[in-house]
Amino acid sequence: MARAFDSIKQGLNEAVAHAKSKGSKTEGVKLYQPQAVDVSSLRARLSLTQEQFAARFGFSVATLRHWERGDRSPSGASLVLLNVIDRNPAAVLQALQ
């Protein structure tokens, strides 16, 4: 139990140090800023309907429609997944099988 606590404590200390750095480099932490993805163009390039794209990659159709209309923008894990789909859709499909 002590090992788990020590590991969690170390992780929290690293997270706090990173948060306090505010833009300065924190040793051992690499930041990744995913690029914006044109979801409508990506879906069209894959020749999928909104329903097919949503079902295939695990998004709700409503969310997909909001992204395509520009009401909302994908963020977080969704944006990362869309970047991977954009670059290598076959790899994502293979991983989901």
N, C-alpha and C. Protein backbone atom coordinates (compact mmCIF):
# COMPACT_ATOMS: atom_id res chain seq x y z
N MET A 1 0.82 -1.19 0.00
CA MET A 1 0.00 0.00 0.00
C MET A 1 0.86 1.25 0.00
N ALA A 2 2.00 1.19 0.71
CA ALA A 2 2.89 2.35 0.79
C ALA A 2 3.47 2.69 -0.58
N ARG A 3 3.74 1.67 -1.40
CA ARG A 3 4.28 1.92 -2.74
C ARG A 3 3.26 2.66 -3.60
N ALA A 4 2.01 2.27 -3.50
CA ALA A 4 0.97 2.94 -4.27
C ALA A 4 0.84 4.39 -3.84
N PHE A 5 0.85 4.62 -2.54
CA PHE A 5 0.76 5.99 -2.03
C PHE A 5 1.94 6.83 -2.52
N ASP A 6 3.15 6.28 -2.44
CA ASP A 6 4.34 7.01 -2.88
C ASP A 6 4.26 7.35 -4.36
N SER A 7 3.77 6.42 -5.15
CA SER A 7 3.63 6.64 -6.59
C SER A 7 2.61 7.74 -6.88
N ILE A 8 1.49 7.69 -6.20
CA ILE A 8 0.45 8.72 -6.38
C ILE A 8 0.96 10.07 -5.92
N LYS A 9 1.66 10.09 -4.79
CA LYS A 9 2.21 11.34 -4.27
C LYS A 9 3.21 11.95 -5.25
N GLN A 10 4.08 11.12 -5.81
CA GLN A 10 5.06 11.61 -6.77
C GLN A 10 4.36 12.18 -8.00
N GLY A 11 3.35 11.48 -8.49
CA GLY A 11 2.60 11.96 -9.65
C GLY A 11 1.93 13.30 -9.38
N LEU A 12 1.34 13.43 -8.20
CA LEU A 12 0.70 14.70 -7.85
C LEU A 12 1.71 15.83 -7.73
N ASN A 13 2.87 15.54 -7.14
CA ASN A 13 3.91 16.55 -7.04
C ASN A 13 4.40 17.00 -8.41
N GLU A 14 4.54 16.06 -9.34
CA GLU A 14 4.94 16.40 -10.70
C GLU A 14 3.87 17.24 -11.39
N ALA A 15 2.61 16.89 -11.18
CA ALA A 15 1.52 17.65 -11.79
C ALA A 15 1.47 19.07 -11.25
N VAL A 16 1.66 19.23 -9.96
CA VAL A 16 1.66 20.56 -9.35
C VAL A 16 2.84 21.37 -9.87
N ALA A 17 4.02 20.76 -9.97
CA ALA A 17 5.20 21.46 -10.48
C ALA A 17 4.96 21.90 -11.92
N HIS A 18 4.36 21.03 -12.69
CA HIS A 18 4.07 21.37 -14.09
C HIS A 18 3.07 22.52 -14.17
N ALA A 19 2.02 22.46 -13.37
CA ALA A 19 1.00 23.51 -13.38
C ALA A 19 1.59 24.86 -12.96
N LYS A 20 2.52 24.84 -12.02
CA LYS A 20 3.14 26.08 -11.55
C LYS A 20 4.13 26.66 -12.55
N SER A 21 4.63 25.82 -13.47
CA SER A 21 5.64 26.30 -14.41
C SER A 21 5.08 27.29 -15.41
N LYS A 22 3.79 27.22 -15.73
CA LYS A 22 3.09 28.15 -16.62
C LYS A 22 3.92 28.55 -17.84
N GLY A 23 4.18 27.60 -18.69
CA GLY A 23 4.84 27.91 -19.95
C GLY A 23 6.33 27.62 -19.94
N SER A 24 6.98 27.61 -18.80
CA SER A 24 8.40 27.25 -18.79
C SER A 24 8.52 25.75 -18.91
N LYS A 25 9.65 25.31 -19.35
CA LYS A 25 9.83 23.87 -19.55
C LYS A 25 9.95 23.15 -18.23
N THR A 26 9.18 22.07 -18.11
CA THR A 26 9.25 21.20 -16.95
C THR A 26 9.94 19.93 -17.41
N GLU A 27 10.99 19.56 -16.74
CA GLU A 27 11.79 18.41 -17.13
C GLU A 27 10.94 17.15 -17.20
N GLY A 28 11.07 16.43 -18.31
CA GLY A 28 10.39 15.15 -18.45
C GLY A 28 8.95 15.24 -18.91
N VAL A 29 8.44 16.44 -19.15
CA VAL A 29 7.05 16.58 -19.58
C VAL A 29 7.04 17.15 -20.99
N LYS A 30 6.44 16.43 -21.91
CA LYS A 30 6.33 16.90 -23.28
C LYS A 30 4.87 17.23 -23.55
N LEU A 31 4.61 18.45 -23.95
CA LEU A 31 3.25 18.87 -24.24
C LEU A 31 2.92 18.62 -25.70
N TYR A 32 1.73 18.16 -25.95
CA TYR A 32 1.26 17.94 -27.31
C TYR A 32 -0.01 18.74 -27.51
N GLN A 33 0.00 19.61 -28.48
CA GLN A 33 -1.18 20.40 -28.82
C GLN A 33 -1.74 19.86 -30.12
N PRO A 34 -2.82 19.09 -30.07
CA PRO A 34 -3.39 18.56 -31.31
C PRO A 34 -3.92 19.68 -32.19
N GLN A 35 -3.77 19.50 -33.49
CA GLN A 35 -4.25 20.49 -34.45
C GLN A 35 -5.76 20.37 -34.61
N ALA A 36 -6.37 21.47 -34.99
CA ALA A 36 -7.80 21.45 -35.31
C ALA A 36 -8.01 20.55 -36.53
N VAL A 37 -9.13 19.86 -36.55
CA VAL A 37 -9.45 18.95 -37.64
C VAL A 37 -10.77 19.40 -38.26
N ASP A 38 -10.80 19.49 -39.59
CA ASP A 38 -12.05 19.77 -40.30
C ASP A 38 -12.82 18.45 -40.38
N VAL A 39 -13.72 18.25 -39.46
CA VAL A 39 -14.41 16.97 -39.32
C VAL A 39 -15.23 16.65 -40.56
N SER A 40 -15.88 17.63 -41.11
CA SER A 40 -16.71 17.41 -42.29
C SER A 40 -15.86 16.93 -43.47
N SER A 41 -14.72 17.57 -43.69
CA SER A 41 -13.82 17.15 -44.78
C SER A 41 -13.25 15.77 -44.52
N LEU A 42 -12.90 15.50 -43.29
CA LEU A 42 -12.37 14.18 -42.94
C LEU A 42 -13.40 13.10 -43.22
N ARG A 43 -14.62 13.33 -42.79
CA ARG A 43 -15.69 12.36 -43.01
C ARG A 43 -15.94 12.15 -44.50
N ALA A 44 -15.95 13.25 -45.26
CA ALA A 44 -16.16 13.16 -46.70
C ALA A 44 -15.01 12.39 -47.38
N ARG A 45 -13.79 12.64 -46.93
CA ARG A 45 -12.63 11.95 -47.49
C ARG A 45 -12.73 10.45 -47.27
N LEU A 46 -13.33 10.05 -46.15
CA LEU A 46 -13.49 8.63 -45.85
C LEU A 46 -14.76 8.05 -46.48
N SER A 47 -15.53 8.90 -47.16
CA SER A 47 -16.78 8.48 -47.83
C SER A 47 -17.75 7.82 -46.86
N LEU A 48 -17.95 8.47 -45.70
CA LEU A 48 -18.87 7.95 -44.70
C LEU A 48 -19.98 8.96 -44.43
N THR A 49 -21.17 8.45 -44.15
CA THR A 49 -22.24 9.33 -43.70
C THR A 49 -21.96 9.74 -42.26
N GLN A 50 -22.69 10.71 -41.76
CA GLN A 50 -22.52 11.11 -40.37
C GLN A 50 -22.78 9.92 -39.44
N GLU A 51 -23.82 9.17 -39.73
CA GLU A 51 -24.17 8.02 -38.90
C GLU A 51 -23.07 6.96 -38.92
N GLN A 52 -22.52 6.69 -40.11
CA GLN A 52 -21.46 5.69 -40.23
C GLN A 52 -20.19 6.14 -39.50
N PHE A 53 -19.79 7.41 -39.69
CA PHE A 53 -18.59 7.93 -39.05
C PHE A 53 -18.73 7.88 -37.53
N ALA A 54 -19.88 8.33 -37.04
CA ALA A 54 -20.12 8.34 -35.60
C ALA A 54 -20.08 6.92 -35.02
N ALA A 55 -20.75 6.00 -35.68
CA ALA A 55 -20.78 4.62 -35.20
C ALA A 55 -19.40 3.96 -35.27
N ARG A 56 -18.69 4.21 -36.33
CA ARG A 56 -17.39 3.57 -36.53
C ARG A 56 -16.35 4.02 -35.50
N PHE A 57 -16.40 5.31 -35.14
CA PHE A 57 -15.34 5.85 -34.28
C PHE A 57 -15.81 6.21 -32.87
N GLY A 58 -17.08 5.93 -32.55
CA GLY A 58 -17.54 6.06 -31.18
C GLY A 58 -17.99 7.46 -30.76
N PHE A 59 -18.39 8.27 -31.71
CA PHE A 59 -18.94 9.60 -31.39
C PHE A 59 -20.45 9.53 -31.49
N SER A 60 -21.14 10.44 -30.83
CA SER A 60 -22.58 10.51 -31.04
C SER A 60 -22.83 11.33 -32.31
N VAL A 61 -23.91 11.00 -32.99
CA VAL A 61 -24.25 11.73 -34.22
C VAL A 61 -24.50 13.20 -33.90
N ALA A 62 -25.14 13.48 -32.78
CA ALA A 62 -25.41 14.87 -32.40
C ALA A 62 -24.12 15.65 -32.21
N THR A 63 -23.15 15.06 -31.55
CA THR A 63 -21.86 15.73 -31.36
C THR A 63 -21.19 15.97 -32.69
N LEU A 64 -21.21 14.98 -33.55
CA LEU A 64 -20.61 15.11 -34.87
C LEU A 64 -21.27 16.26 -35.65
N ARG A 65 -22.57 16.36 -35.58
CA ARG A 65 -23.28 17.44 -36.27
C ARG A 65 -22.88 18.81 -35.72
N HIS A 66 -22.74 18.92 -34.41
CA HIS A 66 -22.30 20.18 -33.81
C HIS A 66 -20.91 20.56 -34.32
N TRP A 67 -20.01 19.59 -34.40
CA TRP A 67 -18.66 19.87 -34.89
C TRP A 67 -18.71 20.33 -36.34
N GLU A 68 -19.50 19.66 -37.15
CA GLU A 68 -19.55 19.99 -38.57
C GLU A 68 -20.21 21.34 -38.82
N ARG A 69 -21.19 21.70 -38.01
CA ARG A 69 -21.84 23.02 -38.15
C ARG A 69 -20.98 24.14 -37.59
N GLY A 70 -20.04 23.78 -36.73
CA GLY A 70 -19.20 24.80 -36.11
C GLY A 70 -19.76 25.33 -34.81
N ASP A 71 -20.84 24.73 -34.31
CA ASP A 71 -21.42 25.13 -33.03
C ASP A 71 -20.45 24.84 -31.89
N ARG A 72 -19.72 23.75 -32.05
CA ARG A 72 -18.75 23.31 -31.04
C ARG A 72 -17.50 22.85 -31.76
N SER A 73 -16.42 22.77 -31.00
CA SER A 73 -15.16 22.26 -31.54
C SER A 73 -14.72 21.06 -30.71
N PRO A 74 -14.21 20.03 -31.37
CA PRO A 74 -13.71 18.89 -30.60
C PRO A 74 -12.53 19.31 -29.74
N SER A 75 -12.42 18.68 -28.57
CA SER A 75 -11.31 18.98 -27.68
C SER A 75 -10.91 17.72 -26.95
N GLY A 76 -9.82 17.80 -26.23
CA GLY A 76 -9.37 16.68 -25.41
C GLY A 76 -9.14 15.42 -26.21
N ALA A 77 -9.58 14.30 -25.63
CA ALA A 77 -9.36 13.00 -26.25
C ALA A 77 -10.04 12.89 -27.62
N SER A 78 -11.18 13.55 -27.79
CA SER A 78 -11.86 13.51 -29.09
C SER A 78 -11.00 14.15 -30.17
N LEU A 79 -10.37 15.26 -29.84
CA LEU A 79 -9.52 15.94 -30.81
C LEU A 79 -8.29 15.10 -31.13
N VAL A 80 -7.73 14.46 -30.14
CA VAL A 80 -6.59 13.58 -30.38
C VAL A 80 -7.00 12.44 -31.29
N LEU A 81 -8.14 11.80 -31.00
CA LEU A 81 -8.62 10.70 -31.84
C LEU A 81 -8.86 11.17 -33.26
N LEU A 82 -9.47 12.33 -33.43
CA LEU A 82 -9.72 12.84 -34.78
C LEU A 82 -8.41 13.10 -35.53
N ASN A 83 -7.37 13.55 -34.83
CA ASN A 83 -6.07 13.74 -35.47
C ASN A 83 -5.49 12.41 -35.93
N VAL A 84 -5.64 11.38 -35.12
CA VAL A 84 -5.14 10.06 -35.51
C VAL A 84 -5.94 9.52 -36.68
N ILE A 85 -7.26 9.67 -36.64
CA ILE A 85 -8.10 9.23 -37.75
C ILE A 85 -7.70 9.96 -39.02
N ASP A 86 -7.44 11.26 -38.90
CA ASP A 86 -7.06 12.08 -40.06
C ASP A 86 -5.76 11.57 -40.68
N ARG A 87 -4.81 11.19 -39.85
CA ARG A 87 -3.49 10.77 -40.34
C ARG A 87 -3.44 9.30 -40.75
N ASN A 88 -4.18 8.44 -40.03
CA ASN A 88 -4.09 7.02 -40.31
C ASN A 88 -5.37 6.31 -39.91
N PRO A 89 -6.44 6.48 -40.68
CA PRO A 89 -7.71 5.86 -40.32
C PRO A 89 -7.64 4.35 -40.24
N ALA A 90 -6.82 3.73 -41.08
CA ALA A 90 -6.71 2.27 -41.06
C ALA A 90 -6.18 1.78 -39.72
N ALA A 91 -5.24 2.49 -39.14
CA ALA A 91 -4.68 2.08 -37.85
C ALA A 91 -5.75 2.14 -36.76
N VAL A 92 -6.59 3.16 -36.80
CA VAL A 92 -7.65 3.29 -35.81
C VAL A 92 -8.65 2.14 -35.99
N LEU A 93 -9.03 1.90 -37.22
CA LEU A 93 -10.00 0.82 -37.49
C LEU A 93 -9.43 -0.54 -37.06
N GLN A 94 -8.14 -0.75 -37.31
CA GLN A 94 -7.51 -2.00 -36.90
C GLN A 94 -7.51 -2.13 -35.38
N ALA A 95 -7.22 -1.03 -34.69
CA ALA A 95 -7.20 -1.06 -33.23
C ALA A 95 -8.57 -1.31 -32.64
N LEU A 96 -9.62 -0.90 -33.34
CA LEU A 96 -10.98 -1.04 -32.83
C LEU A 96 -11.59 -2.42 -33.13
N GLN A 97 -10.93 -3.22 -33.96
CA GLN A 97 -11.48 -4.54 -34.28
C GLN A 97 -11.32 -5.50 -33.15
